[in-house]
Structures are given as structure tokens and as C-alpha cells.
Amino acid sequence: MNKPLLLIVCLVVAALITGSAFAAEKIKIKMITGDVVTVDATVKTLTVKGKKAEVVISVDDKTAVKIDKEKKSLADVNVGDRVTVKYAETEGKTIARSIEIKTPKTGKKGVEPAKQTDPVKQAPKSGY
């Protein structure tokens, strides 16, 4: 009766050890917002300069690239673009999960554009 119990305990311990080995390699998701310094479409990488550092990030087929919620590709990312990149760090590699390109807003809410005035109509009238 002790042998079957010992066998079950050994199997449970082996399963726990194996499971913890797989759980040890957790994928860390990080995010960086900054300007694109380089884009290399042939190697599928881009470098983003954030507040603290520059990060070289690889892009794969699963990476979602968006400009204002519209799907794009790495070819649409240009040097100087303001981006927010969510990326995973595994085994010393950084792989982008999503790249969102921030387009500059062209106007503020509640502010009307300046009206053009005709200089001829603005000339003071003489009373002579």
C-alpha cells in the first residue's frame, strides 16, 4: 500500500518541478513612448528613443502596427515618428507586440482659425 502512495507523491513532485521550470521563463511586457531613430525593414527592427534610453525592437508577423487605429505595416513607420511600442522581453530579445504611431493634432478644440482680412477694406476712411 505504501508503494502506490510513494509513486503518486513522486509523480506529483515531478509535475510541480516541471511546471515551475516552464513558469520560470515569464514574458515581461514593457512599453516605451518616444521618437523613432532608425527603421530597418530588411532586418525588421526599429530603434525608439524614449526619455531614459534607446531601445532596439524587433518586429515579427504578429506585430500590430497602427496609425490612428488604422492597420499599417513597418514600411509605414518613418524616422522621426512619435510612437508607443509595447514589446516583450524574452531570452534577451525585444519583440514588438504593437506599434502605435501618434500623429500630431492639427488644431485645438474651441479655437477658431484666424480670419484673413483684406488690407484694402481695412484702410481708414478719410472724411475729406
Protein backbone atom coordinates (compact mmCIF):
# COMPACT_ATOMS: atom_id res chain seq x y z
CA MET A 1 0.00 0.00 0.00
CA ASN A 2 2.95 2.36 0.61
CA LYS A 3 4.47 1.82 -2.85
CA PRO A 4 1.45 3.22 -4.77
CA LEU A 5 1.30 6.20 -2.42
CA LEU A 6 5.05 6.81 -2.85
CA LEU A 7 4.67 6.57 -6.63
CA ILE A 8 1.84 9.14 -6.64
CA VAL A 9 3.84 11.53 -4.46
CA CYS A 10 6.85 11.21 -6.78
CA LEU A 11 4.72 11.91 -9.85
CA VAL A 12 3.16 14.99 -8.21
CA VAL A 13 6.59 16.34 -7.21
CA ALA A 14 7.94 15.70 -10.73
CA ALA A 15 4.95 17.53 -12.23
CA LEU A 16 5.46 20.50 -9.93
CA ILE A 17 9.15 20.75 -10.75
CA THR A 18 8.47 20.55 -14.48
CA GLY A 19 5.67 23.11 -14.24
CA SER A 20 7.82 25.56 -12.29
CA ALA A 21 10.58 25.27 -14.90
CA PHE A 22 8.14 26.39 -17.60
CA ALA A 23 6.76 29.15 -15.37
CA ALA A 24 10.27 30.46 -14.63
CA GLU A 25 10.56 31.93 -18.14
CA LYS A 26 7.90 34.62 -17.81
CA ILE A 27 7.44 37.05 -20.63
CA LYS A 28 7.80 40.65 -19.49
CA ILE A 29 5.71 43.14 -21.43
CA LYS A 30 7.14 46.64 -21.45
CA MET A 31 6.14 49.90 -23.10
CA ILE A 32 8.14 52.80 -24.49
CA THR A 33 6.96 56.09 -25.93
CA GLY A 34 9.39 58.15 -27.96
CA ASP A 35 10.70 59.11 -31.35
CA VAL A 36 11.81 56.63 -34.00
CA VAL A 37 15.56 56.97 -34.54
CA THR A 38 16.06 54.20 -37.12
CA VAL A 39 13.91 51.81 -39.14
CA ASP A 40 15.39 48.78 -40.91
CA ALA A 41 12.73 46.98 -42.92
CA THR A 42 15.14 44.30 -44.19
CA VAL A 43 16.11 43.17 -40.68
CA LYS A 44 12.67 44.13 -39.30
CA THR A 45 13.88 46.34 -36.46
CA LEU A 46 13.34 49.86 -35.25
CA THR A 47 15.08 51.97 -32.63
CA VAL A 48 12.98 54.15 -30.34
CA LYS A 49 14.49 56.91 -28.21
CA GLY A 50 12.50 57.24 -25.01
CA LYS A 51 13.02 59.52 -22.01
CA LYS A 52 15.56 57.19 -20.39
CA ALA A 53 17.14 55.17 -23.17
CA GLU A 54 17.15 53.99 -26.77
CA VAL A 55 15.64 50.55 -27.36
CA VAL A 56 16.19 48.40 -30.45
CA ILE A 57 13.00 46.42 -31.04
CA SER A 58 12.42 43.55 -33.48
CA VAL A 59 9.19 43.28 -35.43
CA ASP A 60 7.59 39.98 -36.46
CA ASP A 61 4.46 38.89 -38.34
CA LYS A 62 2.38 39.12 -35.16
CA THR A 63 3.26 42.78 -34.51
CA ALA A 64 0.28 45.12 -34.93
CA VAL A 65 1.19 48.49 -36.46
CA LYS A 66 -1.46 51.23 -36.32
CA ILE A 67 -1.75 54.86 -37.28
CA ASP A 68 -4.83 56.42 -35.69
CA LYS A 69 -6.44 52.98 -35.28
CA GLU A 70 -5.83 52.10 -38.95
CA LYS A 71 -3.77 48.95 -39.62
CA LYS A 72 -0.40 49.61 -41.24
CA SER A 73 2.96 47.86 -41.64
CA LEU A 74 6.57 48.52 -40.64
CA ALA A 75 7.08 50.22 -44.02
CA ASP A 76 4.70 52.98 -42.83
CA VAL A 77 6.90 53.81 -39.82
CA ASN A 78 9.31 56.68 -40.53
CA VAL A 79 12.29 58.16 -38.72
CA GLY A 80 11.04 60.99 -36.51
CA ASP A 81 7.57 59.48 -35.93
CA ARG A 82 6.29 59.63 -32.35
CA VAL A 83 5.38 56.06 -31.34
CA THR A 84 4.21 54.00 -28.41
CA VAL A 85 5.56 50.45 -28.59
CA LYS A 86 4.51 47.54 -26.40
CA TYR A 87 7.16 44.85 -26.53
CA ALA A 88 8.07 41.55 -24.90
CA GLU A 89 11.47 40.73 -23.47
CA THR A 90 12.30 37.03 -23.75
CA GLU A 91 15.71 35.40 -23.77
CA GLY A 92 17.43 38.76 -24.23
CA LYS A 93 15.37 39.71 -27.28
CA THR A 94 12.86 42.54 -27.55
CA ILE A 95 9.94 41.75 -29.88
CA ALA A 96 7.24 44.32 -30.58
CA ARG A 97 3.67 43.30 -29.89
CA SER A 98 2.15 46.58 -31.04
CA ILE A 99 3.35 49.86 -32.53
CA GLU A 100 1.05 52.87 -32.39
CA ILE A 101 2.10 55.92 -34.37
CA LYS A 102 0.95 59.21 -32.88
CA THR A 103 0.02 61.78 -35.50
CA PRO A 104 0.20 65.42 -34.46
CA LYS A 105 -3.16 67.04 -33.86
CA THR A 106 -3.91 69.93 -36.20
CA GLY A 107 -5.87 72.34 -34.09
CA LYS A 108 -7.27 72.82 -30.67
CA LYS A 109 -10.86 72.35 -29.66
CA GLY A 110 -12.81 75.54 -29.16
CA VAL A 111 -10.33 77.73 -31.06
CA GLU A 112 -11.31 79.09 -34.44
CA PRO A 113 -8.68 79.72 -37.08
CA ALA A 114 -7.67 83.35 -37.60
CA LYS A 115 -9.69 85.07 -40.28
CA GLN A 116 -7.92 86.64 -43.21
CA THR A 117 -8.63 90.33 -43.63
CA ASP A 118 -8.47 92.32 -46.83
CA PRO A 119 -6.00 95.22 -46.32
CA VAL A 120 -7.89 97.43 -48.79
CA LYS A 121 -11.11 97.15 -46.79
CA GLN A 122 -9.24 97.81 -43.53
CA ALA A 123 -7.79 101.15 -44.65
CA PRO A 124 -9.18 104.05 -42.59
CA LYS A 125 -11.77 106.21 -44.33
CA SER A 126 -10.90 109.83 -44.73
CA GLY A 127 -13.55 112.37 -44.13
CA TYR A 128 -12.30 114.87 -46.72
